[in-house]
Amino acid sequence: MTLYVLLKYVHVLLAIVAIGFNASYGVWLSRAGAEPGYSLHVVRTIKFLDDRFANPAYGLLLITGVALAFIGNIPLTSFWTASALVLYVLLLIGAAGFYSPTLRRQIAVLESSGPTSDEYQRLSRRGTMLGILLLLVVLIIELLMVSKPSLY
């Protein structure tokens, strides 16, 4: 087994972990919507999964992806790699600047006002919209990585 193949294997596993956890958040939140008494536990669990599994996996995806590009002589300026890197930066900005703070605020509002408060409902809608947008960005990155399209 070559270093390239090993890194590619790790890279794919990290993508499965990151995208898999992110995709599960909608299921968790849907279940909490059906049983609002569990909302605080669910949002705390999502924050835990995001901080401890998904986000570290995304960080390692960047590292392994750049390593794969260098080892495999894949130019970072090719359409699919450059596009994915630009989208990755947008993903980081969206996640760190908007999604994570929204989760933190949801937890604080749940602790103080509960799941039926107007503020929590507003934050919940915001978190859902941000989550969908960020997942779409991730899925576009995944499509670029799998299909490797060019402009030619």
Protein backbone atom coordinates (compact mmCIF):
# COMPACT_ATOMS: atom_id res chain seq x y z
CA MET A 1 0.00 0.00 0.00
CA THR A 2 1.42 3.38 -1.00
CA LEU A 3 1.35 6.51 1.14
CA TYR A 4 -1.05 8.06 -1.38
CA VAL A 5 -3.54 5.19 -1.06
CA LEU A 6 -3.31 5.23 2.73
CA LEU A 7 -3.90 9.00 2.85
CA LYS A 8 -6.79 8.67 0.41
CA TYR A 9 -8.34 6.00 2.64
CA VAL A 10 -8.01 8.25 5.71
CA HIS A 11 -9.34 11.21 3.72
CA VAL A 12 -12.47 9.28 2.69
CA LEU A 13 -13.03 8.05 6.27
CA LEU A 14 -12.78 11.62 7.54
CA ALA A 15 -15.32 12.75 4.94
CA ILE A 16 -17.70 10.00 6.05
CA VAL A 17 -17.36 11.06 9.69
CA ALA A 18 -17.73 14.79 9.02
CA ILE A 19 -20.59 14.62 6.53
CA GLY A 20 -22.29 11.77 8.37
CA PHE A 21 -22.44 13.64 11.66
CA ASN A 22 -23.60 16.84 9.94
CA ALA A 23 -26.32 14.99 8.04
CA SER A 24 -27.59 13.46 11.28
CA TYR A 25 -28.28 16.84 12.91
CA GLY A 26 -31.56 17.23 11.04
CA VAL A 27 -32.75 13.88 12.37
CA TRP A 28 -31.77 14.83 15.92
CA LEU A 29 -33.55 18.19 15.66
CA SER A 30 -36.65 16.64 14.14
CA ARG A 31 -36.88 14.22 17.05
CA ALA A 32 -36.45 17.10 19.52
CA GLY A 33 -39.22 19.01 17.73
CA ALA A 34 -41.53 16.09 18.36
CA GLU A 35 -40.51 15.97 22.04
CA PRO A 36 -39.47 19.51 23.10
CA GLY A 37 -38.46 18.31 26.56
CA TYR A 38 -35.36 16.80 24.96
CA SER A 39 -34.37 19.93 23.04
CA LEU A 40 -31.61 21.02 25.43
CA HIS A 41 -30.08 17.56 25.45
CA VAL A 42 -30.29 17.30 21.66
CA VAL A 43 -28.74 20.73 20.96
CA ARG A 44 -25.98 20.06 23.49
CA THR A 45 -25.32 16.70 21.83
CA ILE A 46 -25.16 18.31 18.38
CA LYS A 47 -22.70 20.90 19.72
CA PHE A 48 -20.61 18.10 21.25
CA LEU A 49 -20.61 16.06 18.03
CA ASP A 50 -19.78 19.14 15.98
CA ASP A 51 -16.91 20.23 18.25
CA ARG A 52 -15.41 16.81 18.91
CA PHE A 53 -15.97 14.86 15.70
CA ALA A 54 -17.24 16.78 12.65
CA ASN A 55 -15.09 19.91 12.92
CA PRO A 56 -11.83 18.08 13.70
CA ALA A 57 -12.59 15.77 10.76
CA TYR A 58 -13.03 18.81 8.49
CA GLY A 59 -9.69 20.16 9.67
CA LEU A 60 -7.98 16.86 8.98
CA LEU A 61 -9.71 16.68 5.59
CA LEU A 62 -7.92 19.86 4.58
CA ILE A 63 -4.57 18.50 5.76
CA THR A 64 -4.98 15.11 4.08
CA GLY A 65 -6.41 16.69 0.94
CA VAL A 66 -3.47 19.06 0.51
CA ALA A 67 -1.07 16.19 1.24
CA LEU A 68 -2.80 14.08 -1.43
CA ALA A 69 -2.50 16.92 -3.91
CA PHE A 70 1.23 17.26 -3.29
CA ILE A 71 1.96 13.53 -3.27
CA GLY A 72 -0.19 12.95 -6.35
CA ASN A 73 1.16 16.01 -8.21
CA ILE A 74 -2.35 17.46 -8.42
CA PRO A 75 -2.18 21.23 -8.91
CA LEU A 76 -4.15 23.21 -6.35
CA THR A 77 -4.93 25.60 -9.20
CA SER A 78 -6.94 23.04 -11.17
CA PHE A 79 -10.63 23.94 -11.38
CA TRP A 80 -11.92 21.28 -9.01
CA THR A 81 -9.24 21.74 -6.32
CA ALA A 82 -9.31 25.55 -6.42
CA SER A 83 -13.12 25.59 -6.35
CA ALA A 84 -13.20 23.15 -3.45
CA LEU A 85 -10.67 25.23 -1.50
CA VAL A 86 -12.68 28.43 -2.02
CA LEU A 87 -15.84 26.62 -0.88
CA TYR A 88 -13.92 25.21 2.10
CA VAL A 89 -13.01 28.75 3.21
CA LEU A 90 -16.66 29.77 2.87
CA LEU A 91 -17.62 26.69 4.88
CA LEU A 92 -15.20 27.66 7.66
CA ILE A 93 -16.54 31.21 7.77
CA GLY A 94 -20.13 29.98 7.86
CA ALA A 95 -19.49 27.34 10.50
CA ALA A 96 -17.24 29.34 12.82
CA GLY A 97 -18.89 32.70 12.29
CA PHE A 98 -22.54 31.74 12.23
CA TYR A 99 -23.47 28.10 12.90
CA SER A 100 -21.43 27.46 16.05
CA PRO A 101 -22.44 30.78 17.66
CA THR A 102 -26.08 30.00 16.85
CA LEU A 103 -25.76 26.60 18.57
CA ARG A 104 -24.18 28.23 21.63
CA ARG A 105 -26.97 30.82 21.76
CA GLN A 106 -29.62 28.08 21.35
CA ILE A 107 -28.19 26.28 24.37
CA ALA A 108 -28.19 29.48 26.45
CA VAL A 109 -31.78 30.32 25.49
CA LEU A 110 -32.95 26.76 26.13
CA GLU A 111 -31.38 26.89 29.60
CA SER A 112 -33.01 30.21 30.41
CA SER A 113 -36.31 30.24 28.51
CA GLY A 114 -37.03 26.74 27.22
CA PRO A 115 -37.90 25.30 23.81
CA THR A 116 -41.20 27.17 23.39
CA SER A 117 -39.73 30.66 23.71
CA ASP A 118 -39.90 32.94 20.68
CA GLU A 119 -36.13 33.51 20.87
CA TYR A 120 -35.38 29.78 20.76
CA GLN A 121 -37.81 29.27 17.88
CA ARG A 122 -36.08 32.08 15.94
CA LEU A 123 -32.64 30.62 16.66
CA SER A 124 -33.85 27.16 15.74
CA ARG A 125 -35.04 28.39 12.32
CA ARG A 126 -31.75 30.23 11.82
CA GLY A 127 -29.75 27.13 12.79
CA THR A 128 -31.78 24.98 10.41
CA MET A 129 -31.25 27.38 7.49
CA LEU A 130 -27.53 27.71 8.23
CA GLY A 131 -27.19 23.95 8.58
CA ILE A 132 -28.87 23.34 5.23
CA LEU A 133 -26.71 25.96 3.48
CA LEU A 134 -23.50 24.60 4.99
CA LEU A 135 -24.45 21.02 4.13
CA LEU A 136 -25.07 22.10 0.53
CA VAL A 137 -21.59 23.64 0.41
CA VAL A 138 -20.14 20.40 1.79
CA LEU A 139 -22.02 18.33 -0.78
CA ILE A 140 -20.75 20.54 -3.61
CA ILE A 141 -17.20 20.07 -2.32
CA GLU A 142 -17.79 16.32 -2.20
CA LEU A 143 -19.12 16.39 -5.77
CA LEU A 144 -16.00 18.26 -6.92
CA MET A 145 -13.74 15.76 -5.16
CA VAL A 146 -15.49 12.75 -6.66
CA SER A 147 -16.10 14.02 -10.19
CA LYS A 148 -12.97 16.19 -10.63
CA PRO A 149 -14.56 18.35 -13.33
CA SER A 150 -12.47 20.62 -15.51
CA LEU A 151 -13.36 23.65 -17.56
CA TYR A 152 -12.00 22.06 -20.72
